[in-house]
Amino acid sequence: MSTLKHKVIAWDFDGVLNANVQNGIFLWMTTFEQDTGLSIRSLASYLFSGRFQQAMVGQADLHELVGDWAEQEGVPHRASEVIDYWFDKDHIPDEKTLDLVRRARAAGAVNVIATNNEVYRADWIEEMGFGEHMHDVFAAGRMRLAKPDLAYFKHIEDALGYTGKDVILIDDMEENVEAARRHGWDAHLFAPDNHAEVAAAIGLPEKD
């Protein structure tokens, strides 16, 4: 008999399913300059001062943005390399979290990804195999909505047909957890190495 507390588990991606964030910093950014010879400060200043946020909700194209930055830097021929480096270096699956996903699915849960990623990276997430563990992948760029907007959670409810406490969000951002709770979901704040707490929150028994 299943001990699960929820019918749907919505897993955040970065920092939860993918262990690519450390002390609030994306790890790919720490090696970018050394590996490519390009300025991470310049890229971050250009991209993450509002432009990426537009791409995140489908109002801008990430490839075009990185292309504009590369042209501005005098290296337009390296634009695709920058995105390839970013995505490849950002692939750090959290195997302990994925084990919880597999166990929850075996117990009957509907697992979905609920991520604030734009469309290209959402495609990449599925291509890298994360999608095979999920019933669906909900990404801000596809939805044109981002957490913590309450409409984000409503969109997922409408797509799945489950509402309220039937759903739990596992997320490493406190503002997203609080928003999910305001919307009526259950939610658990994820932190590195708190997998036992996550298991308890979703109702998985301790492993033998």
N, C-alpha and C. Protein backbone atom coordinates (compact mmCIF):
# COMPACT_ATOMS: atom_id res chain seq x y z
N MET A 1 0.84 -1.20 0.00
CA MET A 1 0.00 0.00 0.00
C MET A 1 0.88 1.25 0.00
N SER A 2 0.56 2.20 -0.88
CA SER A 2 1.37 3.41 -0.99
C SER A 2 1.25 4.29 0.25
N THR A 3 2.37 4.87 0.65
CA THR A 3 2.38 5.80 1.78
C THR A 3 2.50 7.25 1.32
N LEU A 4 2.45 7.46 0.01
CA LEU A 4 2.64 8.80 -0.52
C LEU A 4 1.55 9.75 -0.03
N LYS A 5 1.94 10.99 0.24
CA LYS A 5 1.02 11.98 0.77
C LYS A 5 0.36 12.83 -0.32
N HIS A 6 0.89 12.73 -1.54
CA HIS A 6 0.41 13.59 -2.63
C HIS A 6 0.30 12.77 -3.90
N LYS A 7 -0.59 13.21 -4.79
CA LYS A 7 -0.73 12.54 -6.07
C LYS A 7 0.28 13.04 -7.10
N VAL A 8 0.68 14.31 -6.95
CA VAL A 8 1.63 14.93 -7.89
C VAL A 8 2.80 15.51 -7.11
N ILE A 9 4.01 15.23 -7.59
CA ILE A 9 5.21 15.85 -7.03
C ILE A 9 5.84 16.70 -8.13
N ALA A 10 5.90 18.01 -7.88
CA ALA A 10 6.47 18.96 -8.84
C ALA A 10 7.89 19.28 -8.38
N TRP A 11 8.86 18.85 -9.15
CA TRP A 11 10.27 19.00 -8.80
C TRP A 11 10.88 20.19 -9.52
N ASP A 12 11.45 21.10 -8.78
CA ASP A 12 12.26 22.15 -9.40
C ASP A 12 13.48 21.49 -10.04
N PHE A 13 14.08 22.18 -11.01
CA PHE A 13 15.23 21.57 -11.69
C PHE A 13 16.56 22.04 -11.10
N ASP A 14 16.95 23.27 -11.37
CA ASP A 14 18.26 23.76 -10.93
C ASP A 14 18.33 23.80 -9.40
N GLY A 15 19.31 23.13 -8.86
CA GLY A 15 19.48 23.11 -7.41
C GLY A 15 18.71 22.00 -6.72
N VAL A 16 17.87 21.27 -7.45
CA VAL A 16 17.09 20.18 -6.86
C VAL A 16 17.37 18.87 -7.61
N LEU A 17 16.89 18.76 -8.84
CA LEU A 17 17.21 17.60 -9.66
C LEU A 17 18.62 17.67 -10.22
N ASN A 18 19.10 18.88 -10.38
CA ASN A 18 20.42 19.13 -10.96
C ASN A 18 21.25 19.89 -9.93
N ALA A 19 22.34 19.27 -9.49
CA ALA A 19 23.14 19.84 -8.39
C ALA A 19 24.18 20.83 -8.92
N ASN A 20 23.67 21.86 -9.58
CA ASN A 20 24.55 22.80 -10.29
C ASN A 20 24.66 24.16 -9.61
N VAL A 21 24.12 24.27 -8.41
CA VAL A 21 24.14 25.55 -7.69
C VAL A 21 24.84 25.35 -6.35
N GLN A 22 25.80 26.20 -6.06
CA GLN A 22 26.53 26.12 -4.79
C GLN A 22 26.64 27.53 -4.21
N ASN A 23 26.09 27.69 -3.02
CA ASN A 23 26.09 29.01 -2.37
C ASN A 23 25.49 30.08 -3.28
N GLY A 24 24.45 29.70 -4.00
CA GLY A 24 23.74 30.64 -4.86
C GLY A 24 24.42 30.94 -6.18
N ILE A 25 25.51 30.24 -6.50
CA ILE A 25 26.27 30.47 -7.73
C ILE A 25 26.17 29.25 -8.63
N PHE A 26 25.89 29.48 -9.90
CA PHE A 26 25.88 28.38 -10.86
C PHE A 26 27.32 27.97 -11.16
N LEU A 27 27.60 26.68 -11.00
CA LEU A 27 28.98 26.20 -11.06
C LEU A 27 29.62 26.42 -12.42
N TRP A 28 28.84 26.39 -13.51
CA TRP A 28 29.43 26.58 -14.83
C TRP A 28 30.09 27.94 -14.96
N MET A 29 29.58 28.92 -14.22
CA MET A 29 30.11 30.27 -14.30
C MET A 29 31.49 30.38 -13.66
N THR A 30 31.80 29.48 -12.72
CA THR A 30 33.08 29.55 -12.01
C THR A 30 34.25 29.07 -12.85
N THR A 31 33.98 28.32 -13.90
CA THR A 31 35.05 27.78 -14.75
C THR A 31 35.02 28.36 -16.16
N PHE A 32 34.01 29.15 -16.46
CA PHE A 32 33.78 29.64 -17.82
C PHE A 32 34.99 30.40 -18.36
N GLU A 33 35.48 31.37 -17.59
CA GLU A 33 36.57 32.23 -18.07
C GLU A 33 37.84 31.43 -18.29
N GLN A 34 38.16 30.55 -17.35
CA GLN A 34 39.37 29.74 -17.47
C GLN A 34 39.31 28.81 -18.69
N ASP A 35 38.13 28.26 -18.94
CA ASP A 35 38.00 27.28 -20.02
C ASP A 35 37.83 27.91 -21.40
N THR A 36 37.23 29.10 -21.47
CA THR A 36 36.94 29.70 -22.78
C THR A 36 37.79 30.91 -23.11
N GLY A 37 38.37 31.54 -22.09
CA GLY A 37 39.10 32.78 -22.31
C GLY A 37 38.22 33.99 -22.48
N LEU A 38 36.91 33.81 -22.30
CA LEU A 38 35.95 34.91 -22.42
C LEU A 38 35.55 35.40 -21.03
N SER A 39 35.10 36.63 -20.95
CA SER A 39 34.80 37.25 -19.66
C SER A 39 33.43 36.84 -19.14
N ILE A 40 33.40 36.15 -18.00
CA ILE A 40 32.12 35.80 -17.39
C ILE A 40 31.47 37.05 -16.82
N ARG A 41 32.26 37.99 -16.37
CA ARG A 41 31.68 39.23 -15.84
C ARG A 41 30.92 39.98 -16.93
N SER A 42 31.50 40.03 -18.11
CA SER A 42 30.84 40.70 -19.24
C SER A 42 29.56 39.96 -19.63
N LEU A 43 29.65 38.64 -19.74
CA LEU A 43 28.48 37.86 -20.13
C LEU A 43 27.36 37.99 -19.09
N ALA A 44 27.73 37.85 -17.81
CA ALA A 44 26.73 37.93 -16.74
C ALA A 44 26.09 39.30 -16.69
N SER A 45 26.90 40.34 -16.87
CA SER A 45 26.39 41.71 -16.83
C SER A 45 25.40 41.95 -17.98
N TYR A 46 25.74 41.41 -19.14
CA TYR A 46 24.87 41.60 -20.31
C TYR A 46 23.59 40.77 -20.20
N LEU A 47 23.76 39.51 -19.81
CA LEU A 47 22.65 38.56 -19.91
C LEU A 47 21.73 38.58 -18.71
N PHE A 48 22.30 38.70 -17.53
CA PHE A 48 21.50 38.50 -16.32
C PHE A 48 21.09 39.81 -15.65
N SER A 49 21.01 40.85 -16.42
CA SER A 49 20.52 42.14 -15.90
C SER A 49 19.12 42.44 -16.41
N GLY A 50 18.41 41.37 -16.78
CA GLY A 50 17.05 41.52 -17.25
C GLY A 50 16.77 40.80 -18.56
N ARG A 51 17.81 40.64 -19.39
CA ARG A 51 17.59 40.01 -20.70
C ARG A 51 17.24 38.53 -20.56
N PHE A 52 17.96 37.81 -19.71
CA PHE A 52 17.65 36.39 -19.54
C PHE A 52 16.26 36.21 -18.95
N GLN A 53 15.87 37.11 -18.05
CA GLN A 53 14.54 37.02 -17.46
C GLN A 53 13.46 37.13 -18.53
N GLN A 54 13.73 37.93 -19.58
CA GLN A 54 12.79 38.02 -20.69
C GLN A 54 12.74 36.71 -21.47
N ALA A 55 13.93 36.12 -21.70
CA ALA A 55 13.97 34.83 -22.40
C ALA A 55 13.28 33.75 -21.58
N MET A 56 13.43 33.84 -20.28
CA MET A 56 12.86 32.83 -19.38
C MET A 56 11.36 32.69 -19.55
N VAL A 57 10.69 33.78 -19.86
CA VAL A 57 9.23 33.73 -20.03
C VAL A 57 8.81 33.88 -21.50
N GLY A 58 9.73 33.58 -22.41
CA GLY A 58 9.39 33.52 -23.81
C GLY A 58 9.27 34.86 -24.52
N GLN A 59 9.83 35.93 -23.92
CA GLN A 59 9.75 37.24 -24.53
C GLN A 59 11.03 37.62 -25.29
N ALA A 60 12.02 36.76 -25.24
CA ALA A 60 13.27 36.97 -25.98
C ALA A 60 13.86 35.60 -26.28
N ASP A 61 14.79 35.56 -27.23
CA ASP A 61 15.40 34.31 -27.67
C ASP A 61 16.82 34.23 -27.12
N LEU A 62 17.11 33.19 -26.35
CA LEU A 62 18.42 33.08 -25.71
C LEU A 62 19.56 33.05 -26.72
N HIS A 63 19.39 32.33 -27.79
CA HIS A 63 20.46 32.25 -28.79
C HIS A 63 20.74 33.62 -29.40
N GLU A 64 19.68 34.38 -29.64
CA GLU A 64 19.87 35.72 -30.19
C GLU A 64 20.57 36.62 -29.17
N LEU A 65 20.21 36.50 -27.91
CA LEU A 65 20.83 37.33 -26.88
C LEU A 65 22.32 37.03 -26.76
N VAL A 66 22.67 35.75 -26.69
CA VAL A 66 24.08 35.38 -26.59
C VAL A 66 24.82 35.78 -27.86
N GLY A 67 24.15 35.68 -29.01
CA GLY A 67 24.75 36.13 -30.26
C GLY A 67 25.04 37.62 -30.26
N ASP A 68 24.11 38.40 -29.74
CA ASP A 68 24.32 39.86 -29.65
C ASP A 68 25.49 40.17 -28.73
N TRP A 69 25.58 39.46 -27.61
CA TRP A 69 26.70 39.67 -26.68
C TRP A 69 28.03 39.30 -27.34
N ALA A 70 28.06 38.17 -28.02
CA ALA A 70 29.29 37.71 -28.66
C ALA A 70 29.74 38.69 -29.74
N GLU A 71 28.79 39.24 -30.49
CA GLU A 71 29.13 40.23 -31.51
C GLU A 71 29.69 41.49 -30.86
N GLN A 72 29.08 41.89 -29.76
CA GLN A 72 29.55 43.06 -29.02
C GLN A 72 30.97 42.85 -28.50
N GLU A 73 31.29 41.62 -28.16
CA GLU A 73 32.62 41.28 -27.65
C GLU A 73 33.63 41.02 -28.78
N GLY A 74 33.15 41.03 -30.00
CA GLY A 74 34.04 40.79 -31.14
C GLY A 74 34.31 39.34 -31.42
N VAL A 75 33.46 38.43 -30.88
CA VAL A 75 33.65 37.00 -31.10
C VAL A 75 32.32 36.35 -31.54
N PRO A 76 31.69 36.88 -32.58
CA PRO A 76 30.38 36.35 -32.98
C PRO A 76 30.42 34.87 -33.33
N HIS A 77 31.58 34.39 -33.80
CA HIS A 77 31.71 32.99 -34.20
C HIS A 77 31.69 32.04 -33.00
N ARG A 78 31.73 32.58 -31.78
CA ARG A 78 31.79 31.73 -30.59
C ARG A 78 30.46 31.69 -29.83
N ALA A 79 29.43 32.27 -30.39
CA ALA A 79 28.15 32.33 -29.69
C ALA A 79 27.60 30.95 -29.35
N SER A 80 27.59 30.05 -30.33
CA SER A 80 27.05 28.71 -30.07
C SER A 80 27.92 27.95 -29.09
N GLU A 81 29.22 28.20 -29.12
CA GLU A 81 30.14 27.56 -28.17
C GLU A 81 29.80 27.94 -26.74
N VAL A 82 29.43 29.21 -26.55
CA VAL A 82 29.10 29.69 -25.21
C VAL A 82 27.89 28.94 -24.65
N ILE A 83 26.85 28.80 -25.46
CA ILE A 83 25.66 28.09 -24.98
C ILE A 83 25.95 26.61 -24.78
N ASP A 84 26.71 26.01 -25.69
CA ASP A 84 27.06 24.60 -25.53
C ASP A 84 27.84 24.38 -24.24
N TYR A 85 28.79 25.28 -23.98
CA TYR A 85 29.58 25.17 -22.75
C TYR A 85 28.69 25.28 -21.54
N TRP A 86 27.84 26.27 -21.53
CA TRP A 86 26.91 26.52 -20.42
C TRP A 86 26.08 25.28 -20.13
N PHE A 87 25.40 24.78 -21.16
CA PHE A 87 24.49 23.66 -20.95
C PHE A 87 25.25 22.39 -20.55
N ASP A 88 26.38 22.12 -21.22
CA ASP A 88 27.14 20.90 -20.92
C ASP A 88 27.70 20.93 -19.50
N LYS A 89 28.28 22.05 -19.11
CA LYS A 89 28.87 22.17 -17.78
C LYS A 89 27.81 22.20 -16.69
N ASP A 90 26.60 22.53 -17.07
CA ASP A 90 25.50 22.65 -16.12
C ASP A 90 24.79 21.32 -15.89
N HIS A 91 25.31 20.25 -16.46
CA HIS A 91 24.70 18.94 -16.34
C HIS A 91 25.34 18.20 -15.17
N ILE A 92 24.72 18.33 -13.97
CA ILE A 92 25.26 17.70 -12.76
C ILE A 92 24.08 17.05 -12.03
N PRO A 93 23.59 15.93 -12.53
CA PRO A 93 22.40 15.32 -11.92
C PRO A 93 22.63 14.99 -10.45
N ASP A 94 21.63 15.29 -9.62
CA ASP A 94 21.66 14.90 -8.21
C ASP A 94 21.08 13.49 -8.13
N GLU A 95 21.94 12.51 -8.03
CA GLU A 95 21.48 11.12 -8.09
C GLU A 95 20.61 10.75 -6.90
N LYS A 96 20.84 11.38 -5.76
CA LYS A 96 20.00 11.09 -4.60
C LYS A 96 18.58 11.60 -4.81
N THR A 97 18.46 12.77 -5.43
CA THR A 97 17.12 13.27 -5.74
C THR A 97 16.45 12.41 -6.80
N LEU A 98 17.21 12.03 -7.82
CA LEU A 98 16.63 11.19 -8.87
C LEU A 98 16.19 9.83 -8.32
N ASP A 99 16.89 9.33 -7.31
CA ASP A 99 16.46 8.09 -6.67
C ASP A 99 15.09 8.27 -6.01
N LEU A 100 14.88 9.44 -5.38
CA LEU A 100 13.57 9.73 -4.79
C LEU A 100 12.49 9.80 -5.87
N VAL A 101 12.84 10.40 -7.00
CA VAL A 101 11.90 10.49 -8.12
C VAL A 101 11.49 9.10 -8.58
N ARG A 102 12.46 8.24 -8.76
CA ARG A 102 12.17 6.87 -9.24
C ARG A 102 11.30 6.12 -8.23
N ARG A 103 11.64 6.25 -6.96
CA ARG A 103 10.87 5.56 -5.93
C ARG A 103 9.45 6.09 -5.84
N ALA A 104 9.31 7.41 -5.97
CA ALA A 104 7.96 8.00 -5.92
C ALA A 104 7.14 7.54 -7.11
N ARG A 105 7.76 7.48 -8.27
CA ARG A 105 7.03 7.02 -9.46
C ARG A 105 6.60 5.57 -9.31
N ALA A 106 7.50 4.75 -8.78
CA ALA A 106 7.17 3.34 -8.57
C ALA A 106 6.02 3.17 -7.58
N ALA A 107 5.89 4.15 -6.67
CA ALA A 107 4.82 4.11 -5.68
C ALA A 107 3.52 4.71 -6.19
N GLY A 108 3.54 5.23 -7.43
CA GLY A 108 2.31 5.72 -8.04
C GLY A 108 2.19 7.22 -8.20
N ALA A 109 3.23 7.96 -7.84
CA ALA A 109 3.17 9.42 -7.95
C ALA A 109 3.26 9.86 -9.41
N VAL A 110 2.61 10.98 -9.69
CA VAL A 110 2.82 11.70 -10.96
C VAL A 110 3.95 12.69 -10.71
N ASN A 111 5.10 12.43 -11.33
CA ASN A 111 6.25 13.33 -11.20
C ASN A 111 6.28 14.30 -12.37
N VAL A 112 6.47 15.59 -12.08
CA VAL A 112 6.66 16.58 -13.13
C VAL A 112 7.81 17.49 -12.74
N ILE A 113 8.47 18.06 -13.73
CA ILE A 113 9.44 19.12 -13.50
C ILE A 113 8.71 20.45 -13.59
N ALA A 114 8.97 21.32 -12.62
CA ALA A 114 8.41 22.67 -12.61
C ALA A 114 9.58 23.64 -12.49
N THR A 115 10.01 24.18 -13.62
CA THR A 115 11.27 24.92 -13.66
C THR A 115 11.11 26.30 -14.30
N ASN A 116 11.93 27.23 -13.84
CA ASN A 116 12.01 28.55 -14.47
C ASN A 116 13.14 28.54 -15.50
N ASN A 117 12.97 27.77 -16.54
CA ASN A 117 13.95 27.74 -17.62
C ASN A 117 13.31 28.13 -18.94
N GLU A 118 14.15 28.71 -19.82
CA GLU A 118 13.63 29.12 -21.13
C GLU A 118 13.56 27.90 -22.04
N VAL A 119 13.09 28.10 -23.27
CA VAL A 119 12.70 26.98 -24.11
C VAL A 119 13.86 26.09 -24.54
N TYR A 120 15.02 26.66 -24.86
CA TYR A 120 16.14 25.84 -25.32
C TYR A 120 16.63 24.92 -24.20
N ARG A 121 16.74 25.48 -23.00
CA ARG A 121 17.23 24.66 -21.90
C ARG A 121 16.17 23.65 -21.47
N ALA A 122 14.91 23.99 -21.61
CA ALA A 122 13.86 23.01 -21.33
C ALA A 122 13.99 21.81 -22.27
N ASP A 123 14.26 22.07 -23.54
CA ASP A 123 14.50 20.98 -24.50
C ASP A 123 15.72 20.17 -24.08
N TRP A 124 16.77 20.87 -23.67
CA TRP A 124 18.01 20.20 -23.25
C TRP A 124 17.76 19.31 -22.04
N ILE A 125 16.97 19.78 -21.08
CA ILE A 125 16.64 18.99 -19.89
C ILE A 125 16.03 17.66 -20.30
N GLU A 126 15.13 17.69 -21.27
CA GLU A 126 14.51 16.45 -21.73
C GLU A 126 15.50 15.58 -22.49
N GLU A 127 16.34 16.19 -23.32
CA GLU A 127 17.31 15.44 -24.10
C GLU A 127 18.36 14.77 -23.23
N MET A 128 18.68 15.37 -22.08
CA MET A 128 19.68 14.82 -21.18
C MET A 128 19.15 13.70 -20.31
N GLY A 129 17.90 13.32 -20.50
CA GLY A 129 17.34 12.16 -19.82
C GLY A 129 16.50 12.45 -18.61
N PHE A 130 16.44 13.70 -18.18
CA PHE A 130 15.62 14.00 -17.01
C PHE A 130 14.15 13.74 -17.30
N GLY A 131 13.74 14.01 -18.53
CA GLY A 131 12.34 13.86 -18.88
C GLY A 131 11.84 12.43 -18.79
N GLU A 132 12.73 11.45 -18.91
CA GLU A 132 12.29 10.06 -18.90
C GLU A 132 11.73 9.63 -17.54
N HIS A 133 12.08 10.39 -16.50
CA HIS A 133 11.57 10.08 -15.16
C HIS A 133 10.25 10.79 -14.87
N MET A 134 9.80 11.64 -15.80
CA MET A 134 8.70 12.56 -15.54
C MET A 134 7.49 12.27 -16.42
N HIS A 135 6.33 12.64 -15.89
CA HIS A 135 5.13 12.60 -16.71
C HIS A 135 5.03 13.83 -17.61
N ASP A 136 5.67 14.93 -17.18
CA ASP A 136 5.65 16.15 -18.00
C ASP A 136 6.74 17.09 -17.50
N VAL A 137 7.12 18.02 -18.35
CA VAL A 137 8.09 19.06 -18.00
C VAL A 137 7.43 20.42 -18.22
N PHE A 138 7.25 21.16 -17.14
CA PHE A 138 6.65 22.49 -17.21
C PHE A 138 7.77 23.51 -17.05
N ALA A 139 7.98 24.30 -18.09
CA ALA A 139 9.07 25.28 -18.10
C ALA A 139 8.51 26.67 -18.37
N ALA A 140 9.09 27.65 -17.69
CA ALA A 140 8.60 29.02 -17.79
C ALA A 140 8.55 29.51 -19.23
N GLY A 141 9.58 29.19 -20.02
CA GLY A 141 9.61 29.67 -21.39
C GLY A 141 8.48 29.14 -22.24
N ARG A 142 8.09 27.90 -22.00
CA ARG A 142 6.97 27.31 -22.74
C ARG A 142 5.63 27.86 -22.25
N MET A 143 5.55 28.09 -20.94
CA MET A 143 4.30 28.54 -20.33
C MET A 143 4.12 30.05 -20.42
N ARG A 144 5.25 30.76 -20.62
CA ARG A 144 5.28 32.22 -20.57
C ARG A 144 4.84 32.74 -19.20
N LEU A 145 5.17 31.94 -18.20
CA LEU A 145 4.91 32.25 -16.80
C LEU A 145 6.07 31.71 -15.98
N ALA A 146 6.41 32.41 -14.91
CA ALA A 146 7.52 31.96 -14.07
C ALA A 146 7.12 31.99 -12.61
N LYS A 147 7.66 31.04 -11.84
CA LYS A 147 7.53 31.11 -10.39
C LYS A 147 8.20 32.40 -9.92
N PRO A 148 7.67 33.08 -8.93
CA PRO A 148 6.58 32.69 -8.03
C PRO A 148 5.19 33.20 -8.41
N ASP A 149 4.97 33.57 -9.67
CA ASP A 149 3.64 33.99 -10.12
C ASP A 149 2.64 32.87 -9.83
N LEU A 150 1.58 33.17 -9.14
CA LEU A 150 0.60 32.14 -8.79
C LEU A 150 -0.06 31.53 -10.02
N ALA A 151 -0.08 32.28 -11.12
CA ALA A 151 -0.64 31.74 -12.36
C ALA A 151 0.18 30.56 -12.88
N TYR A 152 1.45 30.51 -12.52
CA TYR A 152 2.33 29.39 -12.89
C TYR A 152 1.76 28.09 -12.33
N PHE A 153 1.38 28.11 -11.06
CA PHE A 153 0.87 26.91 -10.41
C PHE A 153 -0.51 26.54 -10.95
N LYS A 154 -1.31 27.55 -11.24
CA LYS A 154 -2.64 27.30 -11.82
C LYS A 154 -2.51 26.64 -13.19
N HIS A 155 -1.54 27.06 -13.98
CA HIS A 155 -1.30 26.46 -15.30
C HIS A 155 -1.03 24.97 -15.16
N ILE A 156 -0.20 24.59 -14.21
CA ILE A 156 0.13 23.18 -14.01
C ILE A 156 -1.10 22.41 -13.55
N GLU A 157 -1.87 22.99 -12.64
CA GLU A 157 -3.10 22.35 -12.19
C GLU A 157 -4.05 22.09 -13.36
N ASP A 158 -4.23 23.09 -14.20
CA ASP A 158 -5.14 22.95 -15.33
C ASP A 158 -4.66 21.86 -16.29
N ALA A 159 -3.35 21.75 -16.46
CA ALA A 159 -2.80 20.75 -17.38
C ALA A 159 -2.94 19.33 -16.83
N LEU A 160 -2.81 19.18 -15.51
CA LEU A 160 -2.78 17.85 -14.91
C LEU A 160 -4.13 17.40 -14.35
N GLY A 161 -4.97 18.37 -13.98
CA GLY A 161 -6.24 18.02 -13.38
C GLY A 161 -6.18 17.73 -11.89
N TYR A 162 -5.08 18.11 -11.26
CA TYR A 162 -4.95 17.97 -9.81
C TYR A 162 -4.79 19.36 -9.20
N THR A 163 -5.32 19.54 -7.99
CA THR A 163 -5.26 20.85 -7.35
C THR A 163 -4.90 20.72 -5.87
N GLY A 164 -4.60 21.86 -5.28
CA GLY A 164 -4.43 21.96 -3.84
C GLY A 164 -3.44 20.98 -3.26
N LYS A 165 -3.80 20.36 -2.14
CA LYS A 165 -2.90 19.50 -1.40
C LYS A 165 -2.61 18.17 -2.09
N ASP A 166 -3.23 17.94 -3.25
CA ASP A 166 -2.84 16.78 -4.05
C ASP A 166 -1.44 16.97 -4.64
N VAL A 167 -0.95 18.21 -4.61
CA VAL A 167 0.32 18.54 -5.25
C VAL A 167 1.30 19.07 -4.20
N ILE A 168 2.56 18.66 -4.32
CA ILE A 168 3.64 19.23 -3.51
C ILE A 168 4.75 19.71 -4.43
N LEU A 169 5.28 20.90 -4.14
CA LEU A 169 6.42 21.45 -4.85
C LEU A 169 7.68 21.23 -4.02
N ILE A 170 8.72 20.71 -4.65
CA ILE A 170 10.04 20.58 -4.03
C ILE A 170 10.93 21.60 -4.72
N ASP A 171 11.36 22.63 -4.00
CA ASP A 171 12.06 23.77 -4.62
C ASP A 171 13.10 24.32 -3.65
N ASP A 172 14.19 24.85 -4.20
CA ASP A 172 15.25 25.38 -3.34
C ASP A 172 15.16 26.89 -3.14
N MET A 173 14.09 27.50 -3.67
CA MET A 173 13.90 28.94 -3.51
C MET A 173 12.73 29.18 -2.56
N GLU A 174 13.00 29.87 -1.46
CA GLU A 174 11.97 30.08 -0.45
C GLU A 174 10.77 30.83 -1.01
N GLU A 175 11.00 31.80 -1.90
CA GLU A 175 9.88 32.57 -2.43
C GLU A 175 8.94 31.69 -3.26
N ASN A 176 9.51 30.68 -3.93
CA ASN A 176 8.67 29.77 -4.71
C ASN A 176 7.87 28.84 -3.80
N VAL A 177 8.51 28.38 -2.74
CA VAL A 177 7.82 27.52 -1.77
C VAL A 177 6.66 28.28 -1.13
N GLU A 178 6.92 29.51 -0.74
CA GLU A 178 5.87 30.32 -0.11
C GLU A 178 4.72 30.59 -1.09
N ALA A 179 5.06 30.84 -2.35
CA ALA A 179 4.01 31.10 -3.36
C ALA A 179 3.15 29.86 -3.58
N ALA A 180 3.80 28.69 -3.66
CA ALA A 180 3.04 27.46 -3.85
C ALA A 180 2.08 27.24 -2.70
N ARG A 181 2.53 27.52 -1.50
CA ARG A 181 1.66 27.37 -0.33
C ARG A 181 0.50 28.37 -0.37
N ARG A 182 0.79 29.59 -0.81
CA ARG A 182 -0.29 30.57 -0.94
C ARG A 182 -1.34 30.11 -1.93
N HIS A 183 -0.87 29.42 -2.97
CA HIS A 183 -1.80 28.92 -3.98
C HIS A 183 -2.61 27.73 -3.47
N GLY A 184 -2.17 27.13 -2.38
CA GLY A 184 -2.91 26.00 -1.83
C GLY A 184 -2.21 24.67 -1.92
N TRP A 185 -1.02 24.65 -2.57
CA TRP A 185 -0.23 23.42 -2.64
C TRP A 185 0.48 23.18 -1.31
N ASP A 186 0.95 21.96 -1.14
CA ASP A 186 1.97 21.70 -0.14
C ASP A 186 3.31 22.04 -0.81
N ALA A 187 4.34 22.30 -0.01
CA ALA A 187 5.63 22.65 -0.58
C ALA A 187 6.72 22.36 0.44
N HIS A 188 7.89 21.99 -0.06
CA HIS A 188 9.03 21.68 0.81
C HIS A 188 10.26 22.42 0.29
N LEU A 189 10.94 23.12 1.18
CA LEU A 189 12.16 23.84 0.81
C LEU A 189 13.34 22.87 0.78
N PHE A 190 13.90 22.69 -0.41
CA PHE A 190 15.01 21.76 -0.61
C PHE A 190 16.32 22.42 -0.24
N ALA A 191 17.20 21.65 0.37
CA ALA A 191 18.57 22.09 0.62
C ALA A 191 19.49 20.91 0.33
N PRO A 192 20.74 21.16 -0.05
CA PRO A 192 21.66 20.06 -0.34
C PRO A 192 21.73 19.07 0.83
N ASP A 193 21.66 17.81 0.50
CA ASP A 193 21.80 16.72 1.47
C ASP A 193 20.63 16.62 2.45
N ASN A 194 19.47 17.22 2.13
CA ASN A 194 18.31 17.00 3.00
C ASN A 194 17.33 16.02 2.37
N HIS A 195 17.87 15.05 1.65
CA HIS A 195 17.04 14.10 0.91
C HIS A 195 16.14 13.29 1.83
N ALA A 196 16.60 13.01 3.04
CA ALA A 196 15.76 12.26 3.99
C ALA A 196 14.53 13.08 4.35
N GLU A 197 14.70 14.41 4.47
CA GLU A 197 13.57 15.28 4.78
C GLU A 197 12.60 15.33 3.61
N VAL A 198 13.13 15.33 2.40
CA VAL A 198 12.27 15.32 1.21
C VAL A 198 11.46 14.02 1.17
N ALA A 199 12.14 12.91 1.42
CA ALA A 199 11.46 11.61 1.42
C ALA A 199 10.31 11.61 2.42
N ALA A 200 10.56 12.17 3.60
CA ALA A 200 9.51 12.23 4.62
C ALA A 200 8.37 13.14 4.19
N ALA A 201 8.71 14.25 3.53
CA ALA A 201 7.69 15.21 3.11
C ALA A 201 6.74 14.63 2.08
N ILE A 202 7.27 13.74 1.22
CA ILE A 202 6.41 13.17 0.18
C ILE A 202 5.85 11.81 0.58
N GLY A 203 6.30 11.29 1.74
CA GLY A 203 5.73 10.06 2.26
C GLY A 203 6.41 8.78 1.82
N LEU A 204 7.69 8.88 1.43
CA LEU A 204 8.43 7.68 1.08
C LEU A 204 9.02 7.07 2.35
N PRO A 205 8.90 5.76 2.52
CA PRO A 205 9.50 5.13 3.70
C PRO A 205 11.03 5.14 3.61
N GLU A 206 11.67 5.02 4.75
CA GLU A 206 13.13 4.93 4.77
C GLU A 206 13.57 3.68 4.05
N LYS A 207 14.68 3.78 3.34
CA LYS A 207 15.21 2.61 2.61
C LYS A 207 15.83 1.64 3.60
N ASP A 208 15.68 0.36 3.28
CA ASP A 208 16.28 -0.67 4.14
C ASP A 208 17.81 -0.60 4.09
